[in-house]
Amino acid sequence: MAGYARRGRVSDPGRRQRGTMQRLELAMGIVGTITILTLLTLVMALVQGTGAALTGAAIIFLVAAVVFIALAIWYRKVT
């Protein structure tokens, strides 16, 4: 039983990079979804002409777009 108490990890040099890639892809998917939904909200606010909804949706859309671009640049550097 003592042999099973401590198991050494198999050395895998690409393991950390794959984990980073998975996290980046997940973050890009979430931010991309938020961006698309906010864009739809922005279009609906434009159609209805509601100023408060328009301002809020525009700010969220711009922030999400900037975050998405930053994640895309980071993803490009990692690959």
N, C-alpha and C. Protein backbone atom coordinates (compact mmCIF):
# COMPACT_ATOMS: atom_id res chain seq x y z
N MET A 1 0.80 -1.21 0.00
CA MET A 1 0.00 0.00 0.00
C MET A 1 0.84 1.27 0.00
N ALA A 2 2.04 1.17 0.51
CA ALA A 2 2.87 2.36 0.60
C ALA A 2 3.23 2.89 -0.78
N GLY A 3 3.28 2.00 -1.77
CA GLY A 3 3.61 2.43 -3.12
C GLY A 3 2.55 3.32 -3.74
N TYR A 4 1.31 3.17 -3.28
CA TYR A 4 0.22 3.96 -3.83
C TYR A 4 -0.02 5.26 -3.08
N ALA A 5 0.64 5.44 -1.97
CA ALA A 5 0.41 6.63 -1.15
C ALA A 5 0.86 7.90 -1.88
N ARG A 6 1.98 7.82 -2.55
CA ARG A 6 2.49 8.99 -3.27
C ARG A 6 2.71 8.62 -4.72
N ARG A 7 1.91 9.16 -5.56
CA ARG A 7 2.06 8.88 -6.98
C ARG A 7 2.63 10.12 -7.65
N GLY A 8 3.67 9.91 -8.37
CA GLY A 8 4.28 11.03 -9.08
C GLY A 8 3.44 11.43 -10.29
N ARG A 9 3.43 12.68 -10.57
CA ARG A 9 2.70 13.19 -11.73
C ARG A 9 3.49 12.92 -13.00
N VAL A 10 2.79 12.50 -14.02
CA VAL A 10 3.46 12.29 -15.30
C VAL A 10 3.79 13.66 -15.87
N SER A 11 5.03 13.82 -16.26
CA SER A 11 5.45 15.12 -16.78
C SER A 11 4.83 15.34 -18.15
N ASP A 12 4.10 16.43 -18.28
CA ASP A 12 3.45 16.78 -19.55
C ASP A 12 3.66 18.27 -19.77
N PRO A 13 4.58 18.64 -20.64
CA PRO A 13 4.89 20.06 -20.81
C PRO A 13 3.75 20.89 -21.37
N GLY A 14 2.82 20.28 -22.11
CA GLY A 14 1.73 21.04 -22.70
C GLY A 14 0.49 21.11 -21.85
N ARG A 15 0.54 20.52 -20.66
CA ARG A 15 -0.65 20.46 -19.81
C ARG A 15 -1.11 21.84 -19.37
N ARG A 16 -0.19 22.65 -18.93
CA ARG A 16 -0.54 23.99 -18.46
C ARG A 16 -1.08 24.85 -19.60
N GLN A 17 -0.47 24.74 -20.77
CA GLN A 17 -0.93 25.53 -21.91
C GLN A 17 -2.33 25.10 -22.34
N ARG A 18 -2.61 23.79 -22.31
CA ARG A 18 -3.96 23.34 -22.67
C ARG A 18 -4.99 23.85 -21.68
N GLY A 19 -4.63 23.89 -20.40
CA GLY A 19 -5.54 24.43 -19.39
C GLY A 19 -5.80 25.91 -19.62
N THR A 20 -4.75 26.65 -19.95
CA THR A 20 -4.91 28.07 -20.25
C THR A 20 -5.79 28.27 -21.47
N MET A 21 -5.58 27.45 -22.50
CA MET A 21 -6.38 27.55 -23.72
C MET A 21 -7.86 27.27 -23.43
N GLN A 22 -8.13 26.26 -22.60
CA GLN A 22 -9.52 25.93 -22.27
C GLN A 22 -10.18 27.08 -21.52
N ARG A 23 -9.46 27.67 -20.57
CA ARG A 23 -10.02 28.80 -19.83
C ARG A 23 -10.26 30.00 -20.75
N LEU A 24 -9.32 30.26 -21.66
CA LEU A 24 -9.49 31.36 -22.60
C LEU A 24 -10.69 31.13 -23.52
N GLU A 25 -10.83 29.90 -24.01
CA GLU A 25 -11.95 29.60 -24.91
C GLU A 25 -13.28 29.74 -24.18
N LEU A 26 -13.32 29.29 -22.93
CA LEU A 26 -14.54 29.44 -22.13
C LEU A 26 -14.86 30.91 -21.90
N ALA A 27 -13.85 31.69 -21.53
CA ALA A 27 -14.07 33.13 -21.30
C ALA A 27 -14.51 33.83 -22.58
N MET A 28 -13.91 33.46 -23.71
CA MET A 28 -14.30 34.09 -24.98
C MET A 28 -15.73 33.72 -25.34
N GLY A 29 -16.13 32.50 -25.05
CA GLY A 29 -17.51 32.10 -25.32
C GLY A 29 -18.51 32.86 -24.47
N ILE A 30 -18.19 33.02 -23.19
CA ILE A 30 -19.09 33.74 -22.28
C ILE A 30 -19.17 35.22 -22.67
N VAL A 31 -18.02 35.85 -22.89
CA VAL A 31 -18.01 37.27 -23.25
C VAL A 31 -18.65 37.49 -24.61
N GLY A 32 -18.42 36.56 -25.54
CA GLY A 32 -19.05 36.67 -26.85
C GLY A 32 -20.57 36.58 -26.77
N THR A 33 -21.06 35.68 -25.92
CA THR A 33 -22.51 35.57 -25.72
C THR A 33 -23.08 36.84 -25.11
N ILE A 34 -22.39 37.39 -24.11
CA ILE A 34 -22.83 38.64 -23.49
C ILE A 34 -22.84 39.76 -24.53
N THR A 35 -21.82 39.80 -25.38
CA THR A 35 -21.75 40.84 -26.41
C THR A 35 -22.91 40.74 -27.38
N ILE A 36 -23.22 39.53 -27.82
CA ILE A 36 -24.33 39.34 -28.77
C ILE A 36 -25.66 39.71 -28.13
N LEU A 37 -25.88 39.25 -26.89
CA LEU A 37 -27.14 39.58 -26.21
C LEU A 37 -27.26 41.08 -25.97
N THR A 38 -26.16 41.73 -25.63
CA THR A 38 -26.20 43.17 -25.42
C THR A 38 -26.44 43.91 -26.73
N LEU A 39 -25.88 43.40 -27.81
CA LEU A 39 -26.12 44.01 -29.12
C LEU A 39 -27.61 43.92 -29.47
N LEU A 40 -28.23 42.78 -29.19
CA LEU A 40 -29.67 42.65 -29.43
C LEU A 40 -30.46 43.62 -28.55
N THR A 41 -30.04 43.77 -27.29
CA THR A 41 -30.70 44.73 -26.40
C THR A 41 -30.53 46.15 -26.93
N LEU A 42 -29.35 46.44 -27.44
CA LEU A 42 -29.07 47.77 -28.00
C LEU A 42 -29.97 48.04 -29.21
N VAL A 43 -30.14 47.05 -30.06
CA VAL A 43 -31.02 47.21 -31.22
C VAL A 43 -32.46 47.41 -30.78
N MET A 44 -32.91 46.64 -29.79
CA MET A 44 -34.28 46.80 -29.28
C MET A 44 -34.47 48.17 -28.66
N ALA A 45 -33.46 48.67 -27.94
CA ALA A 45 -33.57 50.00 -27.34
C ALA A 45 -33.61 51.08 -28.41
N LEU A 46 -32.88 50.88 -29.50
CA LEU A 46 -32.92 51.84 -30.60
C LEU A 46 -34.30 51.86 -31.25
N VAL A 47 -34.90 50.69 -31.41
CA VAL A 47 -36.23 50.61 -32.02
C VAL A 47 -37.27 51.28 -31.14
N GLN A 48 -37.18 51.04 -29.83
CA GLN A 48 -38.16 51.62 -28.91
C GLN A 48 -37.86 53.07 -28.58
N GLY A 49 -36.63 53.48 -28.74
CA GLY A 49 -36.25 54.86 -28.46
C GLY A 49 -36.16 55.18 -26.99
N THR A 50 -35.86 54.18 -26.15
CA THR A 50 -35.73 54.39 -24.71
C THR A 50 -34.30 54.82 -24.40
N GLY A 51 -34.16 56.00 -23.84
CA GLY A 51 -32.83 56.55 -23.58
C GLY A 51 -32.05 55.81 -22.53
N ALA A 52 -32.71 55.43 -21.41
CA ALA A 52 -32.01 54.76 -20.32
C ALA A 52 -31.51 53.39 -20.76
N ALA A 53 -32.37 52.65 -21.44
CA ALA A 53 -31.97 51.32 -21.91
C ALA A 53 -30.88 51.43 -22.96
N LEU A 54 -30.97 52.46 -23.78
CA LEU A 54 -29.97 52.66 -24.84
C LEU A 54 -28.60 52.95 -24.24
N THR A 55 -28.56 53.81 -23.25
CA THR A 55 -27.28 54.16 -22.61
C THR A 55 -26.66 52.95 -21.91
N GLY A 56 -27.47 52.25 -21.14
CA GLY A 56 -26.96 51.07 -20.42
C GLY A 56 -26.47 49.99 -21.36
N ALA A 57 -27.25 49.71 -22.40
CA ALA A 57 -26.85 48.68 -23.36
C ALA A 57 -25.60 49.08 -24.13
N ALA A 58 -25.49 50.36 -24.46
CA ALA A 58 -24.30 50.83 -25.20
C ALA A 58 -23.04 50.68 -24.35
N ILE A 59 -23.13 51.03 -23.08
CA ILE A 59 -21.97 50.93 -22.19
C ILE A 59 -21.56 49.47 -22.01
N ILE A 60 -22.54 48.59 -21.75
CA ILE A 60 -22.23 47.17 -21.56
C ILE A 60 -21.64 46.59 -22.85
N PHE A 61 -22.21 46.98 -24.00
CA PHE A 61 -21.70 46.47 -25.27
C PHE A 61 -20.26 46.89 -25.50
N LEU A 62 -19.95 48.15 -25.23
CA LEU A 62 -18.58 48.63 -25.44
C LEU A 62 -17.58 47.94 -24.52
N VAL A 63 -17.96 47.77 -23.25
CA VAL A 63 -17.07 47.09 -22.30
C VAL A 63 -16.86 45.64 -22.71
N ALA A 64 -17.95 44.95 -23.06
CA ALA A 64 -17.84 43.55 -23.47
C ALA A 64 -17.02 43.41 -24.75
N ALA A 65 -17.17 44.35 -25.67
CA ALA A 65 -16.39 44.29 -26.91
C ALA A 65 -14.90 44.48 -26.64
N VAL A 66 -14.56 45.40 -25.74
CA VAL A 66 -13.15 45.62 -25.40
C VAL A 66 -12.57 44.38 -24.71
N VAL A 67 -13.33 43.79 -23.79
CA VAL A 67 -12.86 42.57 -23.11
C VAL A 67 -12.69 41.44 -24.12
N PHE A 68 -13.64 41.30 -25.03
CA PHE A 68 -13.56 40.25 -26.05
C PHE A 68 -12.32 40.43 -26.93
N ILE A 69 -12.04 41.66 -27.32
CA ILE A 69 -10.85 41.94 -28.14
C ILE A 69 -9.58 41.62 -27.36
N ALA A 70 -9.54 41.98 -26.07
CA ALA A 70 -8.37 41.67 -25.25
C ALA A 70 -8.17 40.16 -25.13
N LEU A 71 -9.26 39.42 -24.93
CA LEU A 71 -9.16 37.96 -24.85
C LEU A 71 -8.70 37.37 -26.18
N ALA A 72 -9.17 37.92 -27.28
CA ALA A 72 -8.76 37.42 -28.60
C ALA A 72 -7.27 37.66 -28.84
N ILE A 73 -6.77 38.81 -28.41
CA ILE A 73 -5.33 39.10 -28.55
C ILE A 73 -4.52 38.14 -27.69
N TRP A 74 -4.98 37.91 -26.45
CA TRP A 74 -4.29 36.99 -25.55
C TRP A 74 -4.31 35.58 -26.14
N TYR A 75 -5.45 35.16 -26.69
CA TYR A 75 -5.58 33.84 -27.30
C TYR A 75 -4.60 33.70 -28.47
N ARG A 76 -4.47 34.77 -29.24
CA ARG A 76 -3.56 34.74 -30.39
C ARG A 76 -2.10 34.62 -29.93
N LYS A 77 -1.77 35.26 -28.80
CA LYS A 77 -0.40 35.18 -28.28
C LYS A 77 -0.09 33.78 -27.76
N VAL A 78 -1.09 33.13 -27.16
CA VAL A 78 -0.88 31.81 -26.56
C VAL A 78 -0.71 30.75 -27.64
N THR A 79 -1.44 30.89 -28.74
CA THR A 79 -1.37 29.85 -29.78
C THR A 79 -0.19 30.02 -30.69
